[in-house]
Amino acid sequence: MRLPRRLELLSLLILWRLIGVFLVRTVHVPDEYWQSLEVAHRLAFGYGHLTWEWTTMIRSYAYPFLISILYRTLAVLSLDSALLLTTLPRVLQAVLVAYADYRFYMWTKSKWMLVSLCLNWYWYYCATRTLINSVETACTVIALSMFPWREGHVQGVRFLWIVGLLCMARPTAAIMWLPLCLYHILTSLERRVLLARYVLICLTCAAISVSIDSHCYGTFVITPWRFFRLNVLGNVGSTYGVGHALWYIYAALPVLLGLHVVPFLLSCCLIARRSALFPRESIMLLTIGWTLLVYSLLSHKEFRFILPLLPLLIYTSFACLNRLTVRVTADVRKGLVALLVCSNVMTGLFFSTIHQRGTLAIMESLRGEITAADLSSTDTLILTPCHSTPLYSHLHVNTTIRFLTCEPNLDNVEDYVDEADRFFANATAWLDDNYVKNSEVALPTYVIVFDSAASKIPDFLRTYTLIVKVFHTYFPERNYGENILLYKRM
């Protein structure tokens, strides 16, 4: 098969990722909106909600700040429609990821590694989402393509500019890059010169990041330090779930790699037995093991946290598989390739187009209702698990909205229960206290609720009419439902 020229390859990769922008129409995690688009919307337009991470100043503004520049540009051109506000950031994300794919090919020189990266269902599912983890993964791929392995120019530090800015914006990125940077320094013949370059670049990156954050927060702040103090030392992350110590091994890796987990395990065995034959892969495997170990020690665990390991996982697997002496027929090889492709495509299509799609569609319906009404007399109550839906970044109207919150117990209040848990523990009592028996508060114009919760508050909804019902998922988690509903007060 004739390999396409570089420009043709880059164009194909951009097209592939742009298809993902319009194909992926579901919700993965709240952070793809609440830690990026919502923050950028508030920066650009002056209204919106900031979660507790921003009021405690543990998040870097670097990523939302870039999106806010795009938003301001659209506003100046009078093109700031909700559609463009939600789509263009993902388009730019797709271009970044496509360039990362291209750099991955230029680094590996393997079309099969590139195909494996592009077809990986979980990466395709996440790649064009406005998640800092997706940006981190794309930047990690680009930095790895510049990384000076022992057989290369070991004094090269171009990759460090990306890593330095990345670690300031996403402090946990330092976990993966620590062993690689140590390897870089230890294999250098001029360590003092290299260390001086490290210090200069890291200080410059830190100055840039601190300047952006201090400007956006309105006060001097070093967000990575505050993040470490609150999230790690304070163990605030455990508020949102605690995973088993081996969860990344038995759950996350199989999800991330799919059927590709088999060749990866075979590669681990090969490297362990003949590490001298695989010097580069041995370093990669040590980096993977170290990263998984550190993340396993942290209480809160999610699949997306180990996405930046994907290029190392793929590289290690393929490089070692080339040394296997197992012979297979052409038909068996075709069958294995077909199985790998189908498993990724079918899984990707289900999660990208079906699973958890309702919360996005319901906000489109709400936007249509609100823009056709009088904003001064319209308000909305969202009775879903907190941050289940995006907010002003998808509505782009300055209307009153109340939703259930779930801030951690930062003030160490005894017997603390967040608002969302109080509602789902006794929905009727919460509504009585906040609306029905509260003469100072009027009933909302619109109510958004999952069908599982709606069945528990029939009296409250008696004065409302169901105007939109949208399918959400076949596998509702706790406090979610199969359908999400939009009610309007009669």
Protein backbone atom coordinates (compact mmCIF):
# COMPACT_ATOMS: atom_id res chain seq x y z
CA MET A 1 0.00 0.00 0.00
CA ARG A 2 1.45 3.36 -1.02
CA LEU A 3 1.76 5.64 1.96
CA PRO A 4 0.32 9.10 1.38
CA ARG A 5 2.56 12.12 1.30
CA ARG A 6 2.82 14.18 4.46
CA LEU A 7 0.33 16.87 3.50
CA GLU A 8 -2.15 14.32 2.26
CA LEU A 9 -1.77 12.33 5.46
CA LEU A 10 -2.30 15.40 7.64
CA SER A 11 -5.38 16.35 5.61
CA LEU A 12 -6.85 12.86 6.03
CA LEU A 13 -6.19 12.93 9.75
CA ILE A 14 -7.86 16.33 10.11
CA LEU A 15 -10.88 15.03 8.19
CA TRP A 16 -11.00 11.94 10.42
CA ARG A 17 -11.00 14.02 13.59
CA LEU A 18 -13.48 16.57 12.21
CA ILE A 19 -15.93 13.73 11.59
CA GLY A 20 -15.62 13.03 15.31
CA VAL A 21 -16.76 16.57 16.13
CA PHE A 22 -20.14 15.88 14.56
CA LEU A 23 -20.33 12.16 15.30
CA VAL A 24 -19.68 12.36 19.04
CA ARG A 25 -22.95 13.78 20.40
CA THR A 26 -23.01 12.37 23.93
CA VAL A 27 -21.80 13.40 27.37
CA HIS A 28 -18.83 11.72 29.00
CA VAL A 29 -18.02 13.66 32.19
CA PRO A 30 -19.06 17.08 33.53
CA ASP A 31 -15.52 18.47 33.25
CA GLU A 32 -15.78 18.71 29.46
CA TYR A 33 -18.14 21.66 30.01
CA TRP A 34 -17.76 22.87 33.58
CA GLN A 35 -13.95 23.09 33.57
CA SER A 36 -13.62 24.56 30.09
CA LEU A 37 -16.58 26.00 28.15
CA GLU A 38 -18.49 27.33 31.17
CA VAL A 39 -15.38 29.07 32.49
CA ALA A 40 -14.53 30.49 29.08
CA HIS A 41 -18.10 31.72 28.64
CA ARG A 42 -17.92 33.61 31.93
CA LEU A 43 -14.57 35.14 30.94
CA ALA A 44 -15.85 36.25 27.54
CA PHE A 45 -19.43 37.30 28.32
CA GLY A 46 -19.41 38.08 32.03
CA TYR A 47 -22.09 35.64 33.19
CA GLY A 48 -22.13 31.99 34.10
CA HIS A 49 -21.42 29.69 37.01
CA LEU A 50 -18.02 28.75 38.40
CA THR A 51 -17.69 25.52 40.35
CA TRP A 52 -15.85 25.26 43.67
CA GLU A 53 -12.55 24.44 41.92
CA TRP A 54 -12.47 27.98 40.56
CA THR A 55 -13.56 29.72 43.75
CA THR A 56 -10.77 27.90 45.61
CA MET A 57 -8.35 28.70 42.74
CA ILE A 58 -7.00 25.18 42.16
CA ARG A 59 -7.58 25.17 38.39
CA SER A 60 -5.44 26.83 35.75
CA TYR A 61 -7.15 29.30 33.44
CA ALA A 62 -4.78 28.52 30.55
CA TYR A 63 -7.18 26.31 28.57
CA PRO A 64 -10.43 28.26 29.24
CA PHE A 65 -8.53 31.49 28.55
CA LEU A 66 -7.69 30.32 25.02
CA ILE A 67 -11.31 29.34 24.40
CA SER A 68 -12.46 32.74 25.74
CA ILE A 69 -10.33 34.47 23.09
CA LEU A 70 -12.23 32.52 20.44
CA TYR A 71 -15.52 33.49 22.10
CA ARG A 72 -14.59 37.18 22.18
CA THR A 73 -13.60 37.04 18.53
CA LEU A 74 -16.97 35.53 17.61
CA ALA A 75 -18.73 38.22 19.66
CA VAL A 76 -16.88 41.01 17.86
CA LEU A 77 -17.94 39.50 14.54
CA SER A 78 -21.52 39.07 15.82
CA LEU A 79 -21.20 35.33 15.25
CA ASP A 80 -21.58 34.22 18.86
CA SER A 81 -24.46 31.82 18.34
CA ALA A 82 -24.83 28.86 20.69
CA LEU A 83 -24.05 26.50 17.83
CA LEU A 84 -20.70 28.12 17.05
CA LEU A 85 -19.82 28.54 20.72
CA THR A 86 -20.18 24.80 21.27
CA THR A 87 -18.77 23.60 17.95
CA LEU A 88 -15.73 25.75 17.14
CA PRO A 89 -13.75 24.85 20.29
CA ARG A 90 -14.20 21.20 19.34
CA VAL A 91 -13.12 21.92 15.77
CA LEU A 92 -9.89 23.49 17.04
CA GLN A 93 -9.47 20.51 19.35
CA ALA A 94 -9.88 18.18 16.36
CA VAL A 95 -7.13 20.01 14.44
CA LEU A 96 -4.79 19.76 17.45
CA VAL A 97 -5.47 16.03 17.82
CA ALA A 98 -5.00 15.44 14.07
CA TYR A 99 -1.62 17.16 14.25
CA ALA A 100 -0.76 14.95 17.22
CA ASP A 101 -1.72 11.89 15.15
CA TYR A 102 0.54 13.15 12.37
CA ARG A 103 3.45 13.68 14.77
CA PHE A 104 2.86 10.19 16.15
CA TYR A 105 3.30 8.72 12.66
CA MET A 106 6.41 10.81 11.98
CA TRP A 107 7.85 9.51 15.25
CA THR A 108 6.94 5.83 14.95
CA LYS A 109 7.20 5.47 11.14
CA SER A 110 4.51 2.79 11.43
CA LYS A 111 1.19 2.97 9.63
CA TRP A 112 -0.21 0.21 11.86
CA MET A 113 0.59 2.14 15.03
CA LEU A 114 -1.12 5.16 13.51
CA VAL A 115 -4.17 3.08 12.55
CA SER A 116 -4.30 1.65 16.07
CA LEU A 117 -4.20 5.15 17.58
CA CYS A 118 -6.84 6.53 15.22
CA LEU A 119 -9.20 3.58 15.66
CA ASN A 120 -8.89 3.38 19.43
CA TRP A 121 -12.52 3.82 20.46
CA TYR A 122 -11.91 5.54 23.77
CA TRP A 123 -9.47 8.06 22.31
CA TYR A 124 -11.86 8.80 19.44
CA TYR A 125 -14.64 9.16 22.02
CA CYS A 126 -12.62 11.68 24.03
CA ALA A 127 -10.36 13.32 21.45
CA THR A 128 -12.67 16.12 20.29
CA ARG A 129 -14.25 16.80 23.67
CA THR A 130 -13.25 20.02 25.40
CA LEU A 131 -11.52 18.09 28.17
CA ILE A 132 -8.16 19.15 29.56
CA ASN A 133 -7.31 15.42 29.51
CA SER A 134 -7.77 15.39 25.73
CA VAL A 135 -5.52 18.43 25.37
CA GLU A 136 -3.00 16.78 27.68
CA THR A 137 -3.00 13.59 25.60
CA ALA A 138 -2.58 15.42 22.29
CA CYS A 139 0.25 17.56 23.68
CA THR A 140 1.86 14.46 25.19
CA VAL A 141 1.92 12.77 21.78
CA ILE A 142 3.54 15.86 20.22
CA ALA A 143 6.10 16.11 23.03
CA LEU A 144 6.94 12.39 22.77
CA SER A 145 7.61 12.84 19.06
CA MET A 146 10.22 15.47 19.99
CA PHE A 147 11.65 13.62 22.98
CA PRO A 148 15.40 12.92 22.60
CA TRP A 149 15.83 9.21 23.14
CA ARG A 150 19.35 7.91 23.74
CA GLU A 151 19.96 7.21 20.06
CA GLY A 152 18.92 10.77 19.20
CA HIS A 153 20.16 14.24 20.14
CA VAL A 154 20.08 13.93 23.92
CA GLN A 155 20.67 17.63 24.49
CA GLY A 156 17.44 18.57 22.71
CA VAL A 157 14.91 20.33 24.93
CA ARG A 158 12.20 21.43 22.49
CA PHE A 159 9.76 18.95 24.04
CA LEU A 160 10.26 20.56 27.44
CA TRP A 161 8.38 23.74 26.46
CA ILE A 162 5.27 21.66 25.87
CA VAL A 163 5.80 19.60 29.02
CA GLY A 164 6.44 22.67 31.17
CA LEU A 165 3.27 24.47 30.11
CA LEU A 166 1.33 21.21 30.31
CA CYS A 167 2.41 20.53 33.88
CA MET A 168 1.40 24.03 34.96
CA ALA A 169 -2.04 23.67 33.36
CA ARG A 170 -2.46 20.05 34.43
CA PRO A 171 -0.16 19.32 37.43
CA THR A 172 -0.74 15.55 37.31
CA ALA A 173 1.01 15.50 33.91
CA ALA A 174 4.26 15.68 35.89
CA ILE A 175 3.67 12.11 37.10
CA MET A 176 4.23 10.62 33.66
CA TRP A 177 6.99 12.99 32.60
CA LEU A 178 9.13 12.67 35.75
CA PRO A 179 10.80 9.34 34.80
CA LEU A 180 11.21 10.42 31.17
CA CYS A 181 12.91 13.68 32.16
CA LEU A 182 15.16 11.83 34.63
CA TYR A 183 16.09 9.43 31.83
CA HIS A 184 16.85 12.40 29.58
CA ILE A 185 19.13 14.02 32.14
CA LEU A 186 20.93 10.84 33.19
CA THR A 187 21.75 9.85 29.59
CA SER A 188 23.22 13.27 28.81
CA LEU A 189 26.98 13.80 28.72
CA GLU A 190 26.60 17.46 29.71
CA ARG A 191 24.20 17.29 32.64
CA ARG A 192 25.00 20.73 34.05
CA VAL A 193 24.23 22.46 30.76
CA LEU A 194 21.07 20.39 30.34
CA LEU A 195 19.94 21.08 33.91
CA ALA A 196 20.44 24.81 33.33
CA ARG A 197 18.18 24.59 30.28
CA TYR A 198 15.62 22.66 32.31
CA VAL A 199 15.57 25.33 35.00
CA LEU A 200 15.32 28.19 32.51
CA ILE A 201 12.46 26.61 30.53
CA CYS A 202 10.55 25.51 33.62
CA LEU A 203 10.80 28.95 35.21
CA THR A 204 9.64 30.59 31.98
CA CYS A 205 6.67 28.24 31.69
CA ALA A 206 5.80 28.82 35.33
CA ALA A 207 5.95 32.60 34.84
CA ILE A 208 3.63 32.42 31.83
CA SER A 209 1.14 30.22 33.64
CA VAL A 210 1.17 32.26 36.87
CA SER A 211 0.68 35.46 34.85
CA ILE A 212 -2.40 34.08 33.07
CA ASP A 213 -3.91 32.68 36.27
CA SER A 214 -3.20 35.79 38.32
CA HIS A 215 -4.77 37.97 35.63
CA CYS A 216 -7.90 35.84 35.40
CA TYR A 217 -8.32 35.34 39.15
CA GLY A 218 -7.53 38.98 39.89
CA THR A 219 -4.89 38.09 42.48
CA PHE A 220 -1.48 36.45 42.58
CA VAL A 221 -1.91 32.68 42.66
CA ILE A 222 0.12 29.55 41.93
CA THR A 223 -2.59 27.07 40.98
CA PRO A 224 -0.45 23.87 40.89
CA TRP A 225 0.49 24.38 44.54
CA ARG A 226 -3.10 25.04 45.58
CA PHE A 227 -4.19 22.00 43.56
CA PHE A 228 -1.66 19.77 45.31
CA ARG A 229 -2.50 21.12 48.76
CA LEU A 230 -6.26 20.72 48.41
CA ASN A 231 -6.70 17.78 46.05
CA VAL A 232 -3.81 15.57 47.16
CA LEU A 233 -2.97 16.52 50.73
CA GLY A 234 -6.60 17.36 51.50
CA ASN A 235 -7.88 14.28 49.62
CA VAL A 236 -10.85 16.26 48.29
CA GLY A 237 -11.00 14.02 45.22
CA SER A 238 -12.40 11.18 47.32
CA THR A 239 -15.66 13.17 47.55
CA TYR A 240 -16.41 12.11 43.97
CA GLY A 241 -15.69 8.43 44.39
CA VAL A 242 -13.01 6.09 45.68
CA GLY A 243 -11.71 3.30 43.46
CA HIS A 244 -10.00 0.02 44.30
CA ALA A 245 -6.19 0.17 44.43
CA LEU A 246 -5.93 -2.13 41.39
CA TRP A 247 -8.78 -0.49 39.44
CA TYR A 248 -6.48 0.91 36.73
CA ILE A 249 -5.09 -2.58 36.10
CA TYR A 250 -8.27 -4.67 35.95
CA ALA A 251 -10.71 -2.01 34.67
CA ALA A 252 -9.10 1.07 33.11
CA LEU A 253 -6.44 -0.58 30.96
CA PRO A 254 -8.87 -3.06 29.34
CA VAL A 255 -11.28 -0.21 28.57
CA LEU A 256 -8.54 2.01 27.18
CA LEU A 257 -6.91 -0.70 25.05
CA GLY A 258 -9.83 -3.00 24.25
CA LEU A 259 -8.63 -6.19 22.55
CA HIS A 260 -5.24 -4.52 22.18
CA VAL A 261 -4.64 -5.35 25.84
CA VAL A 262 -3.58 -8.88 24.76
CA PRO A 263 -0.55 -7.82 22.65
CA PHE A 264 0.35 -5.31 25.35
CA LEU A 265 0.52 -8.05 27.99
CA LEU A 266 2.58 -10.20 25.63
CA SER A 267 4.91 -7.26 25.13
CA CYS A 268 5.30 -6.85 28.88
CA CYS A 269 6.44 -10.46 29.10
CA LEU A 270 8.92 -10.01 26.25
CA ILE A 271 10.41 -6.85 27.77
CA ALA A 272 10.72 -8.49 31.19
CA ARG A 273 12.60 -11.45 29.69
CA ARG A 274 14.80 -9.55 27.22
CA SER A 275 15.01 -5.95 28.37
CA ALA A 276 18.40 -5.48 26.70
CA LEU A 277 16.78 -5.95 23.28
CA PHE A 278 14.20 -3.28 24.02
CA PRO A 279 15.97 -0.30 25.64
CA ARG A 280 13.45 2.31 24.52
CA GLU A 281 10.44 0.11 25.24
CA SER A 282 11.85 -0.72 28.69
CA ILE A 283 11.90 2.97 29.57
CA MET A 284 8.37 3.33 28.27
CA LEU A 285 7.18 0.34 30.30
CA LEU A 286 8.81 1.73 33.44
CA THR A 287 7.06 5.05 32.77
CA ILE A 288 3.72 3.27 32.32
CA GLY A 289 4.21 1.26 35.50
CA TRP A 290 5.27 4.29 37.54
CA THR A 291 2.32 6.35 36.32
CA LEU A 292 -0.18 3.59 37.07
CA LEU A 293 1.34 3.10 40.51
CA VAL A 294 1.04 6.76 41.48
CA TYR A 295 -2.50 7.08 40.11
CA SER A 296 -3.46 3.89 41.93
CA LEU A 297 -2.38 5.45 45.22
CA LEU A 298 -4.75 8.38 44.65
CA SER A 299 -8.27 7.72 45.90
CA HIS A 300 -10.32 9.17 43.01
CA LYS A 301 -9.92 7.26 39.75
CA GLU A 302 -11.26 7.77 36.23
CA PHE A 303 -10.56 6.23 32.82
CA ARG A 304 -9.56 9.56 31.26
CA PHE A 305 -6.74 10.13 33.76
CA ILE A 306 -4.51 7.58 32.03
CA LEU A 307 -5.30 8.63 28.45
CA PRO A 308 -1.83 10.26 28.03
CA LEU A 309 -0.31 6.79 28.41
CA LEU A 310 -2.01 5.58 25.20
CA PRO A 311 0.85 6.46 22.77
CA LEU A 312 3.35 4.66 25.01
CA LEU A 313 1.04 1.65 25.32
CA ILE A 314 0.63 1.40 21.55
CA TYR A 315 4.31 1.96 20.78
CA THR A 316 5.41 -0.65 23.32
CA SER A 317 2.96 -3.25 22.05
CA PHE A 318 3.76 -2.95 18.34
CA ALA A 319 7.51 -2.64 18.71
CA CYS A 320 7.62 -5.85 20.71
CA LEU A 321 5.14 -7.73 18.54
CA ASN A 322 7.55 -7.35 15.65
CA ARG A 323 9.91 -9.69 17.51
CA LEU A 324 7.37 -12.46 18.10
CA THR A 325 8.09 -15.68 16.23
CA VAL A 326 4.48 -16.86 16.17
CA ARG A 327 3.37 -17.50 12.59
CA VAL A 328 -0.22 -17.04 11.50
CA THR A 329 -1.90 -17.54 8.15
CA ALA A 330 -3.16 -14.65 6.06
CA ASP A 331 -6.77 -15.54 6.85
CA VAL A 332 -6.11 -15.56 10.59
CA ARG A 333 -4.33 -12.22 10.34
CA LYS A 334 -7.25 -10.72 8.43
CA GLY A 335 -9.67 -12.11 11.00
CA LEU A 336 -7.71 -10.58 13.88
CA VAL A 337 -7.57 -7.21 12.13
CA ALA A 338 -11.32 -7.34 11.40
CA LEU A 339 -12.03 -8.25 15.03
CA LEU A 340 -9.90 -5.37 16.27
CA VAL A 341 -11.56 -2.87 13.92
CA CYS A 342 -15.13 -4.04 14.60
CA SER A 343 -14.69 -4.07 18.37
CA ASN A 344 -13.48 -0.45 18.32
CA VAL A 345 -15.99 0.80 15.75
CA MET A 346 -19.06 -0.78 17.36
CA THR A 347 -18.09 0.30 20.86
CA GLY A 348 -17.21 3.79 19.69
CA LEU A 349 -20.47 4.26 17.81
CA PHE A 350 -22.55 3.18 20.79
CA PHE A 351 -20.86 5.49 23.29
CA SER A 352 -20.50 8.38 20.82
CA THR A 353 -24.07 8.45 19.49
CA ILE A 354 -26.36 6.67 21.97
CA HIS A 355 -25.10 6.37 25.55
CA GLN A 356 -25.76 9.53 27.64
CA ARG A 357 -27.02 11.74 24.84
CA GLY A 358 -30.14 13.15 26.49
CA THR A 359 -28.60 15.88 28.63
CA LEU A 360 -27.23 17.66 25.56
CA ALA A 361 -30.47 17.40 23.58
CA ILE A 362 -32.58 18.65 26.50
CA MET A 363 -30.48 21.82 26.75
CA GLU A 364 -31.10 22.51 23.06
CA SER A 365 -34.83 22.21 23.73
CA LEU A 366 -34.57 24.50 26.77
CA ARG A 367 -32.64 27.08 24.74
CA GLY A 368 -35.38 27.13 22.13
CA GLU A 369 -38.03 27.61 24.80
CA ILE A 370 -36.16 30.37 26.62
CA THR A 371 -35.21 32.38 23.55
CA ALA A 372 -38.87 32.38 22.47
CA ALA A 373 -40.01 33.65 25.89
CA ASP A 374 -39.51 36.77 28.00
CA LEU A 375 -36.17 36.30 29.79
CA SER A 376 -37.14 38.59 32.67
CA SER A 377 -39.93 36.24 33.74
CA THR A 378 -38.25 32.91 32.95
CA ASP A 379 -36.29 30.70 35.30
CA THR A 380 -35.29 27.05 35.31
CA LEU A 381 -34.79 24.38 37.96
CA ILE A 382 -32.54 21.42 37.09
CA LEU A 383 -33.19 18.44 39.38
CA THR A 384 -30.50 16.07 38.15
CA PRO A 385 -27.25 14.85 39.72
CA CYS A 386 -25.06 17.93 39.88
CA HIS A 387 -23.39 19.06 36.65
CA SER A 388 -25.21 16.43 34.58
CA THR A 389 -25.98 19.06 31.95
CA PRO A 390 -23.91 21.90 30.52
CA LEU A 391 -25.24 25.37 31.29
CA TYR A 392 -24.67 28.86 29.89
CA SER A 393 -22.10 27.75 27.31
CA HIS A 394 -24.90 25.82 25.58
CA LEU A 395 -27.77 28.22 26.32
CA HIS A 396 -25.93 31.52 25.74
CA VAL A 397 -28.76 33.46 27.36
CA ASN A 398 -28.46 35.26 30.69
CA THR A 399 -31.39 33.65 32.42
CA THR A 400 -31.92 32.49 36.00
CA ILE A 401 -31.05 28.83 36.51
CA ARG A 402 -30.83 26.80 39.69
CA PHE A 403 -29.35 23.31 39.82
CA LEU A 404 -28.41 20.87 42.54
CA THR A 405 -24.87 21.42 43.81
CA CYS A 406 -22.36 18.97 45.27
CA GLU A 407 -19.48 20.97 46.71
CA PRO A 408 -17.11 19.01 48.95
CA ASN A 409 -17.03 19.70 52.67
CA LEU A 410 -14.30 22.34 52.52
CA ASP A 411 -15.35 23.93 55.82
CA ASN A 412 -15.34 20.61 57.71
CA VAL A 413 -18.99 20.88 58.72
CA GLU A 414 -20.10 18.00 60.94
CA ASP A 415 -22.50 15.50 59.30
CA TYR A 416 -22.22 17.39 56.01
CA VAL A 417 -24.51 16.31 53.16
CA ASP A 418 -24.38 18.15 49.83
CA GLU A 419 -27.50 19.56 48.19
CA ALA A 420 -27.82 16.89 45.52
CA ASP A 421 -27.66 14.07 48.07
CA ARG A 422 -30.25 15.83 50.24
CA PHE A 423 -32.62 16.07 47.29
CA PHE A 424 -32.30 12.44 46.24
CA ALA A 425 -32.62 11.26 49.83
CA ASN A 426 -35.99 13.01 50.18
CA ALA A 427 -37.05 14.91 47.07
CA THR A 428 -40.43 16.00 48.42
CA ALA A 429 -38.96 17.47 51.60
CA TRP A 430 -36.31 19.37 49.65
CA LEU A 431 -38.90 20.85 47.29
CA ASP A 432 -41.15 21.81 50.22
CA ASP A 433 -38.30 23.62 51.96
CA ASN A 434 -37.03 25.40 48.88
CA TYR A 435 -40.21 26.07 46.86
CA VAL A 436 -43.62 24.78 47.92
CA LYS A 437 -43.57 26.13 51.51
CA ASN A 438 -41.15 28.97 50.82
CA SER A 439 -43.25 32.09 50.20
CA GLU A 440 -40.20 34.10 49.19
CA VAL A 441 -39.44 31.92 46.17
CA ALA A 442 -41.71 31.53 43.12
CA LEU A 443 -42.08 28.23 41.35
CA PRO A 444 -39.74 27.93 38.34
CA THR A 445 -41.00 28.25 34.77
CA TYR A 446 -39.16 25.14 33.60
CA VAL A 447 -38.05 21.97 35.36
CA ILE A 448 -35.54 19.44 34.02
CA VAL A 449 -35.54 16.05 35.71
CA PHE A 450 -34.81 12.40 34.94
CA ASP A 451 -37.83 10.10 34.76
CA SER A 452 -36.58 8.14 37.79
CA ALA A 453 -36.81 11.25 39.96
CA ALA A 454 -39.97 12.61 38.32
CA SER A 455 -41.92 9.58 39.51
CA LYS A 456 -41.09 10.57 43.10
CA ILE A 457 -42.42 14.15 42.90
CA PRO A 458 -45.85 13.87 41.18
CA ASP A 459 -47.44 16.48 43.47
CA PHE A 460 -44.83 19.11 42.65
CA LEU A 461 -45.14 18.43 38.91
CA ARG A 462 -48.94 18.55 38.95
CA THR A 463 -48.91 22.20 37.87
CA TYR A 464 -46.47 21.46 35.04
CA THR A 465 -46.86 20.06 31.53
CA LEU A 466 -44.35 17.68 30.02
CA ILE A 467 -43.18 19.31 26.79
CA VAL A 468 -40.03 17.34 25.89
CA LYS A 469 -38.94 13.77 26.61
CA VAL A 470 -35.49 12.68 25.42
CA PHE A 471 -33.82 9.28 25.63
CA HIS A 472 -30.62 9.37 27.67
CA THR A 473 -29.23 5.89 28.27
CA TYR A 474 -30.07 2.19 28.44
CA PHE A 475 -27.90 1.82 31.53
CA PRO A 476 -28.79 4.55 34.02
CA GLU A 477 -26.50 4.93 36.99
CA ARG A 478 -27.62 5.87 40.48
CA ASN A 479 -29.98 8.90 40.49
CA TYR A 480 -30.05 8.99 36.69
CA GLY A 481 -32.80 7.64 34.42
CA GLU A 482 -33.40 6.24 30.96
CA ASN A 483 -35.06 9.47 29.83
CA ILE A 484 -34.65 13.11 30.73
CA LEU A 485 -37.72 15.32 30.83
CA LEU A 486 -38.47 19.03 30.37
CA TYR A 487 -41.56 20.42 32.09
CA LYS A 488 -43.15 23.84 31.65
CA ARG A 489 -45.41 25.48 34.21
CA MET A 490 -48.98 25.80 33.06
